[in-house]
């Protein structure tokens, strides 16, 4: 009976894990090769988490700034053949911050960029270098075959930041 319970539990865990996958292997391959996908951010990890922890610990609720949960928000990066559209928050040190709240974070549309994609055993490594964005933003996107992804963003005026999330198809 114990073996049966363990087997049922193992199958349940496996089914739950597969149900949480965002895209299947074929869909992920199709949308990445067509350059037509959305990276949906679920968490952010700033480079200088020690400094952010100092600030966050003074706030009500005594939060931790090491890994910031973005689930339920609409932060994403859309990649289509002729443009990259980013709408991501930024947590960290900015060397020349804008006073305009609409220009904080990574909020831009780039139509002049270099897109380099390399397939490996585990998925894809994609490098995007913008040419027409003010801070010369560079994005490194590591995508697994199941659609999970990690995005590292580097710019001239801000410390780097990493976002975790998943890929989805562009909705029309």
N, C-alpha and C. Protein backbone atom coordinates (compact mmCIF):
# COMPACT_ATOMS: atom_id res chain seq x y z
N UNK A 1 0.82 -1.20 0.00
CA UNK A 1 0.00 0.00 0.00
C UNK A 1 0.87 1.27 0.00
N UNK A 2 1.99 1.25 0.76
CA UNK A 2 2.87 2.41 0.78
C UNK A 2 3.48 2.66 -0.59
N UNK A 3 3.84 1.59 -1.29
CA UNK A 3 4.41 1.72 -2.62
C UNK A 3 3.38 2.35 -3.57
N UNK A 4 2.13 1.92 -3.45
CA UNK A 4 1.07 2.46 -4.29
C UNK A 4 0.89 3.96 -4.04
N UNK A 5 0.88 4.38 -2.78
CA UNK A 5 0.73 5.79 -2.43
C UNK A 5 1.90 6.61 -2.99
N UNK A 6 3.11 6.08 -2.86
CA UNK A 6 4.27 6.79 -3.39
C UNK A 6 4.20 6.90 -4.90
N UNK A 7 3.75 5.85 -5.55
CA UNK A 7 3.63 5.86 -7.00
C UNK A 7 2.58 6.88 -7.45
N UNK A 8 1.44 6.89 -6.78
CA UNK A 8 0.40 7.86 -7.12
C UNK A 8 0.90 9.28 -6.89
N UNK A 9 1.62 9.50 -5.79
CA UNK A 9 2.17 10.83 -5.51
C UNK A 9 3.18 11.24 -6.56
N UNK A 10 4.02 10.32 -6.98
CA UNK A 10 5.02 10.60 -8.01
C UNK A 10 4.35 10.95 -9.33
N UNK A 11 3.33 10.20 -9.72
CA UNK A 11 2.61 10.49 -10.95
C UNK A 11 1.92 11.85 -10.86
N UNK A 12 1.33 12.15 -9.73
CA UNK A 12 0.66 13.43 -9.53
C UNK A 12 1.65 14.59 -9.64
N UNK A 13 2.81 14.45 -9.05
CA UNK A 13 3.84 15.49 -9.15
C UNK A 13 4.28 15.66 -10.59
N UNK A 14 4.49 14.57 -11.30
CA UNK A 14 4.91 14.64 -12.70
C UNK A 14 3.86 15.32 -13.56
N UNK A 15 2.60 14.96 -13.37
CA UNK A 15 1.52 15.56 -14.15
C UNK A 15 1.41 17.05 -13.84
N UNK A 16 1.53 17.42 -12.59
CA UNK A 16 1.47 18.83 -12.20
C UNK A 16 2.61 19.60 -12.83
N UNK A 17 3.82 19.03 -12.81
CA UNK A 17 4.96 19.70 -13.40
C UNK A 17 4.76 19.90 -14.90
N UNK A 18 4.26 18.89 -15.60
CA UNK A 18 4.02 19.02 -17.03
C UNK A 18 2.90 20.02 -17.32
N UNK A 19 1.91 20.09 -16.44
CA UNK A 19 0.80 21.02 -16.65
C UNK A 19 1.25 22.46 -16.49
N UNK A 20 2.30 22.68 -15.70
CA UNK A 20 2.79 24.04 -15.49
C UNK A 20 3.69 24.53 -16.61
N UNK A 21 4.13 23.66 -17.51
CA UNK A 21 4.97 24.09 -18.63
C UNK A 21 4.17 25.06 -19.49
N UNK A 22 4.81 26.13 -19.92
CA UNK A 22 4.10 27.19 -20.63
C UNK A 22 3.83 26.84 -22.09
N UNK A 23 4.82 26.28 -22.76
CA UNK A 23 4.63 25.86 -24.14
C UNK A 23 5.28 24.50 -24.31
N UNK A 24 4.81 23.76 -25.29
CA UNK A 24 5.47 22.48 -25.57
C UNK A 24 6.68 22.73 -26.46
N UNK A 25 7.45 21.69 -26.67
CA UNK A 25 8.71 21.81 -27.42
C UNK A 25 8.48 22.30 -28.85
N UNK A 26 7.46 21.77 -29.51
CA UNK A 26 7.18 22.15 -30.90
C UNK A 26 6.76 23.61 -31.00
N UNK A 27 5.92 24.06 -30.08
CA UNK A 27 5.46 25.45 -30.09
C UNK A 27 6.62 26.39 -29.80
N UNK A 28 7.45 26.04 -28.82
CA UNK A 28 8.60 26.88 -28.49
C UNK A 28 9.53 26.99 -29.69
N UNK A 29 9.81 25.87 -30.34
CA UNK A 29 10.68 25.88 -31.51
C UNK A 29 10.10 26.77 -32.60
N UNK A 30 8.81 26.65 -32.85
CA UNK A 30 8.15 27.42 -33.91
C UNK A 30 8.21 28.92 -33.64
N UNK A 31 7.85 29.35 -32.44
CA UNK A 31 7.79 30.79 -32.18
C UNK A 31 9.18 31.42 -32.09
N UNK A 32 10.18 30.66 -31.62
CA UNK A 32 11.53 31.21 -31.55
C UNK A 32 12.12 31.32 -32.95
N UNK A 33 11.94 30.31 -33.78
CA UNK A 33 12.49 30.36 -35.13
C UNK A 33 11.78 31.38 -36.01
N UNK A 34 10.52 31.67 -35.74
CA UNK A 34 9.79 32.68 -36.50
C UNK A 34 10.00 34.09 -35.95
N UNK A 35 10.73 34.22 -34.85
CA UNK A 35 10.94 35.52 -34.17
C UNK A 35 9.59 36.18 -33.90
N UNK A 36 8.70 35.44 -33.28
CA UNK A 36 7.36 35.93 -33.01
C UNK A 36 6.89 35.39 -31.66
N UNK A 37 7.37 36.01 -30.57
CA UNK A 37 7.05 35.52 -29.24
C UNK A 37 7.04 36.65 -28.22
N UNK A 38 6.54 36.32 -27.04
CA UNK A 38 6.50 37.26 -25.92
C UNK A 38 7.19 36.59 -24.74
N UNK A 39 8.15 37.30 -24.15
CA UNK A 39 8.74 36.86 -22.89
C UNK A 39 7.95 37.53 -21.78
N UNK A 40 7.30 36.73 -20.93
CA UNK A 40 6.50 37.24 -19.82
C UNK A 40 7.34 37.11 -18.54
N UNK A 41 7.62 38.23 -17.89
CA UNK A 41 8.45 38.24 -16.69
C UNK A 41 7.62 37.86 -15.46
N UNK A 42 8.13 36.90 -14.68
CA UNK A 42 7.46 36.49 -13.44
C UNK A 42 8.24 36.89 -12.20
N UNK A 43 9.53 37.17 -12.35
CA UNK A 43 10.33 37.66 -11.21
C UNK A 43 11.53 38.44 -11.73
N UNK A 44 12.06 39.30 -10.87
CA UNK A 44 13.23 40.11 -11.20
C UNK A 44 14.26 39.95 -10.09
N UNK A 45 15.53 39.87 -10.50
CA UNK A 45 16.63 39.77 -9.54
C UNK A 45 17.63 40.86 -9.87
N UNK A 46 17.65 41.95 -9.09
CA UNK A 46 18.60 43.03 -9.35
C UNK A 46 20.02 42.62 -9.00
N UNK A 47 20.99 43.30 -9.61
CA UNK A 47 22.40 42.99 -9.36
C UNK A 47 22.80 43.35 -7.94
N UNK A 48 22.37 44.48 -7.47
CA UNK A 48 22.79 44.95 -6.14
C UNK A 48 21.71 44.67 -5.10
N UNK A 49 21.39 43.42 -4.90
CA UNK A 49 20.32 43.06 -3.98
C UNK A 49 20.63 43.45 -2.54
N UNK A 50 21.89 43.57 -2.16
CA UNK A 50 22.24 43.98 -0.78
C UNK A 50 21.76 45.40 -0.51
N UNK A 51 21.97 46.30 -1.46
CA UNK A 51 21.51 47.68 -1.29
C UNK A 51 19.99 47.75 -1.27
N UNK A 52 19.34 46.98 -2.12
CA UNK A 52 17.89 46.98 -2.16
C UNK A 52 17.31 46.39 -0.88
N UNK A 53 17.97 45.37 -0.33
CA UNK A 53 17.52 44.78 0.93
C UNK A 53 17.51 45.81 2.05
N UNK A 54 18.51 46.70 2.09
CA UNK A 54 18.57 47.74 3.10
C UNK A 54 17.34 48.65 3.01
N UNK A 55 16.98 49.01 1.80
CA UNK A 55 15.83 49.90 1.60
C UNK A 55 14.53 49.16 1.89
N UNK A 56 14.39 47.95 1.37
CA UNK A 56 13.15 47.19 1.53
C UNK A 56 12.90 46.81 2.98
N UNK A 57 13.95 46.60 3.77
CA UNK A 57 13.77 46.21 5.17
C UNK A 57 13.18 47.35 6.00
N UNK A 58 13.31 48.56 5.54
CA UNK A 58 12.74 49.72 6.24
C UNK A 58 11.27 49.95 5.89
N UNK A 59 10.79 49.27 4.88
CA UNK A 59 9.41 49.46 4.44
C UNK A 59 8.48 48.58 5.26
N UNK A 60 7.21 48.95 5.33
CA UNK A 60 6.24 48.12 6.06
C UNK A 60 6.18 46.72 5.46
N UNK A 61 6.13 45.73 6.32
CA UNK A 61 6.07 44.34 5.88
C UNK A 61 7.43 43.69 5.83
N UNK A 62 8.51 44.45 5.98
CA UNK A 62 9.87 43.94 6.03
C UNK A 62 10.14 42.98 4.87
N UNK A 63 10.03 43.49 3.66
CA UNK A 63 10.19 42.68 2.46
C UNK A 63 11.67 42.43 2.16
N UNK A 64 11.93 41.45 1.32
CA UNK A 64 13.27 41.11 0.89
C UNK A 64 13.41 41.48 -0.58
N UNK A 65 14.49 42.14 -0.95
CA UNK A 65 14.66 42.61 -2.32
C UNK A 65 15.50 41.71 -3.19
N UNK A 66 15.90 40.54 -2.72
CA UNK A 66 16.74 39.67 -3.52
C UNK A 66 16.05 39.16 -4.77
N UNK A 67 14.83 38.72 -4.64
CA UNK A 67 14.05 38.21 -5.77
C UNK A 67 12.67 38.86 -5.69
N UNK A 68 12.33 39.66 -6.66
CA UNK A 68 11.09 40.42 -6.64
C UNK A 68 10.05 39.72 -7.51
N UNK A 69 8.91 39.39 -6.90
CA UNK A 69 7.85 38.67 -7.59
C UNK A 69 7.08 39.61 -8.50
N UNK A 70 6.97 39.25 -9.77
CA UNK A 70 6.23 40.05 -10.75
C UNK A 70 5.00 39.31 -11.27
N UNK A 71 4.66 38.18 -10.67
CA UNK A 71 3.51 37.39 -11.12
C UNK A 71 2.24 38.22 -11.02
N UNK A 72 1.40 38.08 -12.01
CA UNK A 72 0.13 38.81 -12.01
C UNK A 72 0.25 40.18 -12.66
N UNK A 73 1.45 40.61 -12.97
CA UNK A 73 1.62 41.90 -13.64
C UNK A 73 1.72 41.66 -15.14
N UNK A 74 1.79 42.70 -15.90
CA UNK A 74 1.85 42.56 -17.36
C UNK A 74 3.20 43.03 -17.91
N UNK A 75 4.28 42.66 -17.24
CA UNK A 75 5.62 43.03 -17.71
C UNK A 75 6.10 42.00 -18.71
N UNK A 76 6.52 42.48 -19.88
CA UNK A 76 6.93 41.56 -20.93
C UNK A 76 7.86 42.22 -21.93
N UNK A 77 8.42 41.39 -22.81
CA UNK A 77 9.19 41.83 -23.97
C UNK A 77 8.62 41.10 -25.16
N UNK A 78 8.15 41.85 -26.14
CA UNK A 78 7.59 41.26 -27.36
C UNK A 78 8.64 41.33 -28.46
N UNK A 79 8.88 40.19 -29.08
CA UNK A 79 9.83 40.11 -30.19
C UNK A 79 9.06 39.69 -31.43
N UNK A 80 9.06 40.56 -32.42
CA UNK A 80 8.51 40.24 -33.73
C UNK A 80 9.60 40.52 -34.75
N UNK A 81 9.39 40.13 -35.99
CA UNK A 81 10.47 40.20 -36.98
C UNK A 81 11.09 41.58 -37.11
N UNK A 82 10.28 42.64 -37.05
CA UNK A 82 10.81 43.97 -37.32
C UNK A 82 10.94 44.86 -36.09
N UNK A 83 10.59 44.37 -34.89
CA UNK A 83 10.69 45.23 -33.71
C UNK A 83 10.79 44.43 -32.41
N UNK A 84 11.32 45.11 -31.40
CA UNK A 84 11.38 44.58 -30.04
C UNK A 84 10.70 45.63 -29.16
N UNK A 85 9.68 45.20 -28.42
CA UNK A 85 8.92 46.11 -27.56
C UNK A 85 9.08 45.63 -26.12
N UNK A 86 9.69 46.46 -25.29
CA UNK A 86 9.96 46.09 -23.90
C UNK A 86 9.12 46.94 -22.96
N UNK A 87 8.55 46.28 -21.96
CA UNK A 87 7.85 46.94 -20.88
C UNK A 87 8.19 46.18 -19.60
N UNK A 88 9.32 46.58 -18.98
CA UNK A 88 9.83 45.90 -17.79
C UNK A 88 10.13 46.92 -16.69
N UNK A 89 9.92 46.55 -15.44
CA UNK A 89 10.30 47.44 -14.34
C UNK A 89 11.80 47.35 -14.12
N UNK A 90 12.35 48.34 -13.42
CA UNK A 90 13.77 48.29 -13.09
C UNK A 90 13.94 48.50 -11.60
N UNK A 91 14.74 47.64 -10.98
CA UNK A 91 15.09 47.75 -9.58
C UNK A 91 16.61 47.72 -9.51
N UNK A 92 17.20 48.76 -9.00
CA UNK A 92 18.65 48.78 -8.91
C UNK A 92 19.18 50.20 -9.01
N UNK A 93 20.48 50.29 -9.25
CA UNK A 93 21.16 51.58 -9.29
C UNK A 93 21.18 52.11 -10.71
N UNK A 94 20.68 53.33 -10.87
CA UNK A 94 20.69 54.01 -12.15
C UNK A 94 21.66 55.17 -12.05
N UNK A 95 22.53 55.31 -13.04
CA UNK A 95 23.57 56.34 -12.98
C UNK A 95 23.10 57.68 -13.52
N UNK A 96 22.09 57.68 -14.35
CA UNK A 96 21.50 58.95 -14.81
C UNK A 96 20.01 58.72 -14.99
N UNK A 97 19.28 58.89 -13.90
CA UNK A 97 17.84 58.62 -13.90
C UNK A 97 17.07 59.77 -14.50
N UNK A 98 15.99 59.43 -15.17
CA UNK A 98 15.10 60.42 -15.74
C UNK A 98 14.09 60.85 -14.68
N UNK A 99 13.70 62.09 -14.72
CA UNK A 99 12.68 62.58 -13.80
C UNK A 99 11.27 62.30 -14.31
N UNK A 100 11.17 61.88 -15.55
CA UNK A 100 9.88 61.54 -16.14
C UNK A 100 9.53 60.10 -15.75
N UNK A 101 8.43 59.89 -15.01
CA UNK A 101 8.08 58.54 -14.59
C UNK A 101 7.77 57.60 -15.76
N UNK A 102 7.41 58.14 -16.92
CA UNK A 102 7.13 57.31 -18.08
C UNK A 102 8.40 56.71 -18.68
N UNK A 103 9.57 57.24 -18.33
CA UNK A 103 10.82 56.77 -18.88
C UNK A 103 11.60 55.89 -17.90
N UNK A 104 11.02 55.55 -16.77
CA UNK A 104 11.71 54.69 -15.81
C UNK A 104 11.48 53.24 -16.17
N UNK A 105 12.39 52.38 -15.79
CA UNK A 105 12.32 50.98 -16.18
C UNK A 105 12.83 50.83 -17.60
N UNK A 106 12.50 49.73 -18.21
CA UNK A 106 12.84 49.49 -19.62
C UNK A 106 11.55 49.51 -20.41
N UNK A 107 11.23 50.68 -20.94
CA UNK A 107 10.01 50.86 -21.72
C UNK A 107 10.41 51.48 -23.05
N UNK A 108 10.49 50.65 -24.08
CA UNK A 108 10.92 51.16 -25.38
C UNK A 108 10.42 50.26 -26.49
N UNK A 109 10.46 50.82 -27.70
CA UNK A 109 10.22 50.07 -28.92
C UNK A 109 11.42 50.29 -29.81
N UNK A 110 12.06 49.21 -30.22
CA UNK A 110 13.24 49.30 -31.07
C UNK A 110 12.94 48.66 -32.41
N UNK A 111 13.26 49.38 -33.48
CA UNK A 111 13.12 48.83 -34.83
C UNK A 111 14.48 48.66 -35.49
N UNK A 112 15.53 49.15 -34.86
CA UNK A 112 16.90 49.01 -35.37
C UNK A 112 17.70 48.24 -34.33
N UNK A 113 17.87 46.94 -34.55
CA UNK A 113 18.54 46.10 -33.57
C UNK A 113 19.24 44.93 -34.26
N UNK A 114 20.18 44.33 -33.54
CA UNK A 114 20.87 43.13 -34.01
C UNK A 114 20.29 41.96 -33.22
N UNK A 115 19.87 40.92 -33.92
CA UNK A 115 19.25 39.74 -33.31
C UNK A 115 20.11 38.54 -33.67
N UNK A 116 20.70 37.91 -32.67
CA UNK A 116 21.55 36.74 -32.89
C UNK A 116 21.01 35.58 -32.07
N UNK A 117 20.65 34.49 -32.75
CA UNK A 117 20.06 33.32 -32.10
C UNK A 117 20.94 32.10 -32.33
N UNK A 118 21.23 31.37 -31.23
CA UNK A 118 22.01 30.14 -31.33
C UNK A 118 21.27 29.04 -30.60
N UNK A 119 21.09 27.91 -31.28
CA UNK A 119 20.43 26.75 -30.68
C UNK A 119 21.49 25.86 -30.05
N UNK A 120 21.19 25.33 -28.87
CA UNK A 120 22.09 24.38 -28.21
C UNK A 120 21.26 23.19 -27.72
N UNK A 121 21.87 22.30 -26.95
CA UNK A 121 21.19 21.09 -26.48
C UNK A 121 19.97 21.41 -25.62
N UNK A 122 20.08 22.43 -24.82
CA UNK A 122 19.01 22.74 -23.85
C UNK A 122 17.97 23.71 -24.37
N UNK A 123 18.24 24.40 -25.46
CA UNK A 123 17.29 25.38 -25.96
C UNK A 123 17.97 26.40 -26.86
N UNK A 124 17.80 27.68 -26.56
CA UNK A 124 18.35 28.76 -27.37
C UNK A 124 19.01 29.81 -26.49
N UNK A 125 20.02 30.46 -27.05
CA UNK A 125 20.61 31.66 -26.48
C UNK A 125 20.43 32.76 -27.51
N UNK A 126 19.73 33.81 -27.12
CA UNK A 126 19.42 34.90 -28.04
C UNK A 126 20.01 36.19 -27.49
N UNK A 127 20.75 36.90 -28.34
CA UNK A 127 21.30 38.21 -27.97
C UNK A 127 20.65 39.27 -28.84
N UNK A 128 20.14 40.31 -28.18
CA UNK A 128 19.50 41.41 -28.88
C UNK A 128 20.24 42.69 -28.47
N UNK A 129 20.78 43.41 -29.45
CA UNK A 129 21.47 44.68 -29.19
C UNK A 129 20.71 45.78 -29.91
N UNK A 130 20.16 46.71 -29.15
CA UNK A 130 19.41 47.80 -29.75
C UNK A 130 20.36 48.89 -30.21
N UNK A 131 20.00 49.53 -31.31
CA UNK A 131 20.80 50.64 -31.84
C UNK A 131 20.08 51.98 -31.72
N UNK A 132 18.76 51.93 -31.56
CA UNK A 132 17.98 53.17 -31.56
C UNK A 132 17.35 53.49 -30.19
N UNK A 133 17.83 52.83 -29.14
CA UNK A 133 17.34 53.10 -27.79
C UNK A 133 18.39 53.93 -27.06
N UNK A 134 17.95 54.86 -26.26
CA UNK A 134 18.83 55.83 -25.62
C UNK A 134 19.98 55.21 -24.82
N UNK A 135 19.74 54.15 -24.09
CA UNK A 135 20.77 53.57 -23.21
C UNK A 135 21.56 52.43 -23.86
N UNK A 136 21.41 52.20 -25.17
CA UNK A 136 22.06 51.07 -25.84
C UNK A 136 21.82 49.77 -25.08
N UNK A 137 20.58 49.39 -24.97
CA UNK A 137 20.17 48.22 -24.20
C UNK A 137 20.57 46.94 -24.93
N UNK A 138 21.17 46.01 -24.16
CA UNK A 138 21.51 44.68 -24.67
C UNK A 138 20.75 43.66 -23.84
N UNK A 139 20.13 42.71 -24.51
CA UNK A 139 19.36 41.67 -23.83
C UNK A 139 19.93 40.31 -24.20
N UNK A 140 20.10 39.47 -23.19
CA UNK A 140 20.52 38.09 -23.40
C UNK A 140 19.41 37.20 -22.87
N UNK A 141 18.83 36.42 -23.76
CA UNK A 141 17.68 35.59 -23.42
C UNK A 141 18.06 34.13 -23.58
N UNK A 142 17.97 33.37 -22.48
CA UNK A 142 18.21 31.92 -22.50
C UNK A 142 16.87 31.23 -22.39
N UNK A 143 16.54 30.42 -23.40
CA UNK A 143 15.23 29.80 -23.47
C UNK A 143 15.38 28.28 -23.42
N UNK A 144 14.61 27.64 -22.55
CA UNK A 144 14.60 26.17 -22.51
C UNK A 144 13.61 25.65 -23.54
N UNK A 145 13.70 24.37 -23.84
CA UNK A 145 12.80 23.78 -24.82
C UNK A 145 11.35 23.79 -24.35
N UNK A 146 11.14 23.83 -23.04
CA UNK A 146 9.79 23.87 -22.49
C UNK A 146 9.19 25.26 -22.44
N UNK A 147 9.95 26.29 -22.84
CA UNK A 147 9.42 27.63 -22.89
C UNK A 147 9.78 28.51 -21.71
N UNK A 148 10.50 27.98 -20.72
CA UNK A 148 10.95 28.82 -19.61
C UNK A 148 12.16 29.61 -20.05
N UNK A 149 12.33 30.83 -19.53
CA UNK A 149 13.40 31.68 -20.02
C UNK A 149 13.96 32.58 -18.91
N UNK A 150 15.20 32.99 -19.12
CA UNK A 150 15.88 33.95 -18.26
C UNK A 150 16.39 35.08 -19.15
N UNK A 151 16.07 36.30 -18.78
CA UNK A 151 16.46 37.48 -19.55
C UNK A 151 17.39 38.34 -18.71
N UNK A 152 18.60 38.60 -19.22
CA UNK A 152 19.54 39.51 -18.57
C UNK A 152 19.59 40.78 -19.40
N UNK A 153 19.44 41.93 -18.74
CA UNK A 153 19.42 43.21 -19.44
C UNK A 153 20.58 44.06 -18.95
N UNK A 154 21.36 44.58 -19.90
CA UNK A 154 22.51 45.42 -19.61
C UNK A 154 22.35 46.72 -20.39
N UNK A 155 22.61 47.84 -19.74
CA UNK A 155 22.55 49.13 -20.44
C UNK A 155 23.68 50.02 -19.94
N UNK A 156 23.87 51.14 -20.63
CA UNK A 156 24.95 52.06 -20.27
C UNK A 156 24.69 52.79 -18.96
N UNK A 157 23.44 53.07 -18.62
CA UNK A 157 23.13 53.94 -17.49
C UNK A 157 22.56 53.23 -16.27
N UNK A 158 22.47 51.91 -16.31
CA UNK A 158 21.89 51.18 -15.18
C UNK A 158 22.69 49.92 -14.93
N UNK A 159 22.69 49.47 -13.67
CA UNK A 159 23.28 48.18 -13.38
C UNK A 159 22.43 47.09 -14.01
N UNK A 160 23.04 45.96 -14.30
CA UNK A 160 22.30 44.89 -14.97
C UNK A 160 21.26 44.27 -14.03
N UNK A 161 20.28 43.65 -14.64
CA UNK A 161 19.20 43.01 -13.91
C UNK A 161 18.79 41.75 -14.67
N UNK A 162 18.31 40.75 -13.94
CA UNK A 162 17.88 39.50 -14.54
C UNK A 162 16.41 39.27 -14.25
N UNK A 163 15.69 38.83 -15.26
CA UNK A 163 14.27 38.51 -15.14
C UNK A 163 14.08 37.03 -15.46
N UNK A 164 13.24 36.37 -14.71
CA UNK A 164 12.85 34.99 -15.00
C UNK A 164 11.41 35.00 -15.48
N UNK A 165 11.08 34.07 -16.37
CA UNK A 165 9.72 34.02 -16.88
C UNK A 165 9.55 32.91 -17.87
N UNK A 166 8.65 33.10 -18.81
CA UNK A 166 8.33 32.09 -19.79
C UNK A 166 7.96 32.74 -21.12
N UNK A 167 7.98 31.93 -22.18
CA UNK A 167 7.59 32.41 -23.49
C UNK A 167 6.15 32.06 -23.77
N UNK A 168 5.51 32.90 -24.53
CA UNK A 168 4.16 32.60 -25.03
C UNK A 168 4.05 33.13 -26.44
N UNK A 169 3.01 32.69 -27.12
CA UNK A 169 2.78 33.16 -28.48
C UNK A 169 2.21 34.57 -28.44
N UNK A 170 2.49 35.33 -29.49
CA UNK A 170 1.95 36.68 -29.60
C UNK A 170 0.46 36.56 -29.89
N UNK A 171 -0.34 37.22 -29.07
CA UNK A 171 -1.79 37.19 -29.27
C UNK A 171 -2.18 38.34 -30.20
N UNK A 172 -3.04 38.04 -31.12
CA UNK A 172 -3.45 39.07 -32.10
C UNK A 172 -4.64 39.83 -31.63
